[in-house]
Amino acid sequence: MGVIQMTYEKARSKMQAGDVIAFGGKGEFSEIIKFATFSDVSHVGVILQTKVTDDDTDKFFNQIIESTSLHGFNGVHVSRFSDRLDTYEGELWWLPLSEEIRTRRFNQKTFYDFLFNQAKSRKKYDTPQAIKSALDALDTLPFGAHGPGYNREDFSKFFCSELVAAGLEKSGAVGTVNASEVTPIDLCRWKIYKDSYYQLKGDSEKKISRYNTANPSDWNV
């Protein structure tokens, strides 16, 4: 288990819908998320679908869906992953779903339909919930009560890991979770991936701590 350095040219044709993409950004908000969650991961997206281009090269066209600020809109976007890779400043990792999850649980049509509809509806980015999701110390009060840092699940807007977690839940890849409480590093720690993950860009010293070790059911609260 561990990280493997790989170029996107080699990874492109191996990516599949449902594979998670983790980002380690350099901007101010990214640094706040990394500081609050004690990790090198600040953002996540997910491969929505893959296509073969209409030529004789058999190159793959991978689409990523994410909730972020792009092209003047802060919310849910679908774009070419290669474009995001080329312009992103920071670390990029590819986290492929395990074969067991993909073959036994993952419903690609349900996954696609749910996520595409969020982009079609132009759901906006949910900054308050993104911040509160990272403040785990404020989640609980005595006697099982919820504290001021707790998010009740709400899909009227989406922050990045909430969108991906909701898509994976709708697909059947994971059981019932409170997607609004899932941070980017939480999602990377869910035990749903292959043993190894792949770094496509950035500082090779940066890692995803405790990758693929947590039970998603721990977020069913």
Protein backbone atom coordinates (compact mmCIF):
# COMPACT_ATOMS: atom_id res chain seq x y z
CA MET A 1 0.00 0.00 0.00
CA GLY A 2 1.31 3.44 -0.84
CA VAL A 3 1.71 6.17 -3.40
CA ILE A 4 3.11 5.58 -6.90
CA GLN A 5 4.34 8.39 -9.14
CA MET A 6 2.67 8.22 -12.58
CA THR A 7 2.22 10.49 -15.58
CA TYR A 8 -1.27 11.26 -16.77
CA GLU A 9 -0.40 9.85 -20.18
CA LYS A 10 -0.06 6.43 -18.54
CA ALA A 11 -3.01 6.88 -16.19
CA ARG A 12 -5.50 8.30 -18.70
CA SER A 13 -6.88 5.05 -20.13
CA LYS A 14 -6.96 3.32 -16.74
CA MET A 15 -9.25 5.85 -15.04
CA GLN A 16 -12.91 4.96 -14.56
CA ALA A 17 -16.06 6.69 -13.39
CA GLY A 18 -16.12 6.86 -9.59
CA ASP A 19 -12.36 7.21 -9.19
CA VAL A 20 -11.59 10.07 -6.82
CA ILE A 21 -9.15 12.87 -7.61
CA ALA A 22 -7.52 14.58 -4.62
CA PHE A 23 -5.94 18.03 -4.79
CA GLY A 24 -3.41 19.79 -2.59
CA GLY A 25 -3.82 23.46 -3.37
CA LYS A 26 -1.59 26.44 -2.65
CA GLY A 27 -4.20 29.18 -2.26
CA GLU A 28 -5.30 30.78 0.99
CA PHE A 29 -8.55 28.82 1.35
CA SER A 30 -6.74 25.57 0.47
CA GLU A 31 -4.17 26.22 3.17
CA ILE A 32 -6.94 26.83 5.71
CA ILE A 33 -8.59 23.50 4.84
CA LYS A 34 -5.27 21.64 5.08
CA PHE A 35 -4.46 23.29 8.41
CA ALA A 36 -7.91 22.57 9.86
CA THR A 37 -7.85 18.91 8.78
CA PHE A 38 -4.14 18.25 9.51
CA SER A 39 -3.53 16.97 5.99
CA ASP A 40 -2.02 17.73 2.58
CA VAL A 41 -5.41 17.42 0.85
CA SER A 42 -7.55 20.52 0.33
CA HIS A 43 -10.06 19.54 -2.37
CA VAL A 44 -11.55 16.51 -4.14
CA GLY A 45 -13.40 15.76 -7.34
CA VAL A 46 -14.45 12.54 -9.02
CA ILE A 47 -14.22 11.12 -12.53
CA LEU A 48 -17.74 11.38 -13.93
CA GLN A 49 -17.28 9.42 -17.14
CA THR A 50 -14.70 8.45 -19.74
CA LYS A 51 -15.01 8.57 -23.51
CA VAL A 52 -12.91 7.56 -26.49
CA THR A 53 -12.21 10.46 -28.83
CA ASP A 54 -13.56 10.29 -32.37
CA ASP A 55 -10.28 9.66 -34.14
CA ASP A 56 -7.84 6.87 -34.78
CA THR A 57 -5.69 7.42 -31.69
CA ASP A 58 -7.98 5.71 -29.14
CA LYS A 59 -7.15 8.42 -26.60
CA PHE A 60 -9.44 8.72 -23.62
CA PHE A 61 -11.39 11.81 -22.70
CA ASN A 62 -11.91 11.88 -18.93
CA GLN A 63 -14.47 14.20 -17.37
CA ILE A 64 -14.19 15.35 -13.77
CA ILE A 65 -17.04 16.76 -11.70
CA GLU A 66 -16.28 18.95 -8.71
CA SER A 67 -17.61 21.86 -6.71
CA THR A 68 -15.10 24.68 -7.01
CA SER A 69 -14.54 28.12 -8.48
CA LEU A 70 -13.94 27.95 -12.27
CA HIS A 71 -14.70 30.24 -15.19
CA GLY A 72 -16.51 32.81 -13.06
CA PHE A 73 -18.85 30.38 -11.31
CA ASN A 74 -18.38 29.00 -7.79
CA GLY A 75 -20.18 25.68 -7.69
CA VAL A 76 -20.59 22.34 -9.46
CA HIS A 77 -18.65 22.02 -12.74
CA VAL A 78 -17.97 19.28 -15.28
CA SER A 79 -14.73 19.70 -17.23
CA ARG A 80 -11.98 17.80 -18.98
CA PHE A 81 -9.62 16.38 -16.41
CA SER A 82 -6.60 17.03 -18.62
CA ASP A 83 -7.44 20.76 -18.62
CA ARG A 84 -7.62 20.79 -14.81
CA LEU A 85 -4.34 18.93 -14.58
CA ASP A 86 -2.57 21.34 -16.92
CA THR A 87 -3.65 24.51 -15.12
CA TYR A 88 -3.67 23.36 -11.48
CA GLU A 89 -0.92 24.58 -9.17
CA GLY A 90 -0.35 22.00 -6.47
CA GLU A 91 -0.56 18.27 -5.90
CA LEU A 92 -2.90 15.93 -7.76
CA TRP A 93 -3.55 12.30 -6.80
CA TRP A 94 -5.70 9.62 -8.46
CA LEU A 95 -7.50 7.23 -6.07
CA PRO A 96 -9.00 4.30 -8.03
CA LEU A 97 -11.99 2.46 -6.59
CA SER A 98 -11.31 -1.13 -5.56
CA GLU A 99 -12.46 -3.90 -7.87
CA GLU A 100 -14.75 -5.29 -5.17
CA ILE A 101 -16.57 -1.97 -4.79
CA ARG A 102 -16.75 -1.41 -8.54
CA THR A 103 -18.04 -4.85 -9.52
CA ARG A 104 -20.31 -5.63 -6.57
CA ARG A 105 -21.73 -2.30 -5.43
CA PHE A 106 -21.09 0.61 -7.78
CA ASN A 107 -24.05 1.57 -10.01
CA GLN A 108 -22.52 3.82 -12.66
CA LYS A 109 -25.82 5.03 -14.12
CA THR A 110 -27.21 6.12 -10.75
CA PHE A 111 -23.88 7.77 -9.95
CA TYR A 112 -23.81 9.66 -13.25
CA ASP A 113 -27.47 10.71 -13.18
CA PHE A 114 -27.25 12.13 -9.65
CA LEU A 115 -24.03 14.08 -10.20
CA PHE A 116 -24.85 15.32 -13.69
CA ASN A 117 -28.14 16.71 -12.40
CA GLN A 118 -26.25 18.75 -9.78
CA ALA A 119 -24.13 20.31 -12.52
CA LYS A 120 -27.18 20.84 -14.74
CA SER A 121 -28.90 22.66 -11.86
CA ARG A 122 -25.78 24.79 -11.36
CA LYS A 123 -25.64 24.11 -7.64
CA LYS A 124 -23.50 26.71 -5.89
CA TYR A 125 -20.54 26.10 -3.59
CA ASP A 126 -21.43 25.87 0.10
CA THR A 127 -18.66 27.74 1.94
CA PRO A 128 -20.25 27.75 5.44
CA GLN A 129 -20.76 23.97 5.42
CA ALA A 130 -17.26 23.40 4.04
CA ILE A 131 -15.77 25.31 6.97
CA LYS A 132 -17.98 23.65 9.57
CA SER A 133 -17.22 20.16 8.22
CA ALA A 134 -13.54 20.75 9.02
CA LEU A 135 -14.23 21.79 12.64
CA ASP A 136 -14.75 18.32 14.11
CA ALA A 137 -13.98 19.48 17.64
CA LEU A 138 -17.22 21.48 17.61
CA ASP A 139 -19.42 18.64 16.28
CA THR A 140 -20.64 17.08 19.51
CA LEU A 141 -21.99 18.10 22.87
CA PRO A 142 -22.66 15.94 25.96
CA PHE A 143 -25.53 13.42 25.91
CA GLY A 144 -25.38 12.92 22.13
CA ALA A 145 -26.32 16.46 21.19
CA HIS A 146 -24.81 18.15 18.13
CA GLY A 147 -22.52 21.14 18.52
CA PRO A 148 -22.17 24.32 16.43
CA GLY A 149 -19.71 22.65 14.03
CA TYR A 150 -22.11 19.88 13.01
CA ASN A 151 -23.64 19.93 9.51
CA ARG A 152 -27.07 18.48 8.90
CA GLU A 153 -27.16 16.95 5.43
CA ASP A 154 -28.32 19.54 2.91
CA PHE A 155 -27.89 19.25 -0.87
CA SER A 156 -29.21 22.70 -1.82
CA LYS A 157 -25.54 23.65 -2.29
CA PHE A 158 -22.37 21.55 -2.32
CA PHE A 159 -18.83 21.82 -1.11
CA CYS A 160 -16.34 19.54 -2.83
CA SER A 161 -16.19 16.43 -0.65
CA GLU A 162 -19.91 16.62 0.12
CA LEU A 163 -20.64 16.35 -3.61
CA VAL A 164 -18.33 13.37 -4.13
CA ALA A 165 -19.50 11.58 -0.99
CA ALA A 166 -23.13 12.05 -2.01
CA GLY A 167 -22.40 10.67 -5.48
CA LEU A 168 -20.68 7.59 -4.07
CA GLU A 169 -23.54 7.05 -1.63
CA LYS A 170 -26.16 7.30 -4.39
CA SER A 171 -24.15 4.82 -6.49
CA GLY A 172 -24.16 2.21 -3.72
CA ALA A 173 -20.37 2.29 -3.37
CA VAL A 174 -20.85 3.18 0.30
CA GLY A 175 -23.75 2.83 2.67
CA THR A 176 -25.67 5.67 4.29
CA VAL A 177 -23.43 8.59 5.28
CA ASN A 178 -23.89 12.22 6.24
CA ALA A 179 -22.16 13.61 3.16
CA SER A 180 -22.27 17.13 4.60
CA GLU A 181 -19.83 16.08 7.35
CA VAL A 182 -17.21 14.55 5.01
CA THR A 183 -14.00 16.54 4.53
CA PRO A 184 -11.60 16.05 1.59
CA ILE A 185 -9.13 14.02 3.68
CA ASP A 186 -12.00 11.99 5.19
CA LEU A 187 -13.01 10.89 1.71
CA CYS A 188 -9.43 9.88 0.87
CA ARG A 189 -9.29 7.73 4.01
CA TRP A 190 -12.43 5.73 3.26
CA LYS A 191 -11.63 2.07 2.72
CA ILE A 192 -13.07 1.85 -0.79
CA TYR A 193 -9.95 2.13 -2.95
CA LYS A 194 -7.24 -0.07 -4.38
CA ASP A 195 -4.20 -0.57 -2.18
CA SER A 196 -2.11 1.98 -4.08
CA TYR A 197 -2.89 5.49 -5.20
CA TYR A 198 -1.09 7.56 -7.84
CA GLN A 199 0.44 11.02 -7.78
CA LEU A 200 0.05 12.76 -11.13
CA LYS A 201 1.49 16.16 -10.25
CA GLY A 202 3.26 18.10 -7.51
CA ASP A 203 5.68 17.59 -4.65
CA SER A 204 6.46 13.87 -4.29
CA GLU A 205 7.07 14.40 -0.56
CA LYS A 206 3.39 15.17 -0.03
CA LYS A 207 1.25 12.17 0.95
CA ILE A 208 -2.34 11.23 1.80
CA SER A 209 -2.13 10.29 5.45
CA ARG A 210 -3.99 7.13 6.55
CA TYR A 211 -5.16 6.49 2.98
CA ASN A 212 -7.79 3.75 2.59
CA THR A 213 -8.08 2.91 6.30
CA ALA A 214 -11.44 4.27 7.54
CA ASN A 215 -14.91 2.77 7.45
CA PRO A 216 -17.38 5.10 5.67
CA SER A 217 -20.08 3.99 8.14
CA ASP A 218 -18.30 6.13 10.76
CA TRP A 219 -19.85 9.12 8.94
CA ASN A 220 -23.39 7.77 9.35
CA VAL A 221 -24.35 10.26 12.07
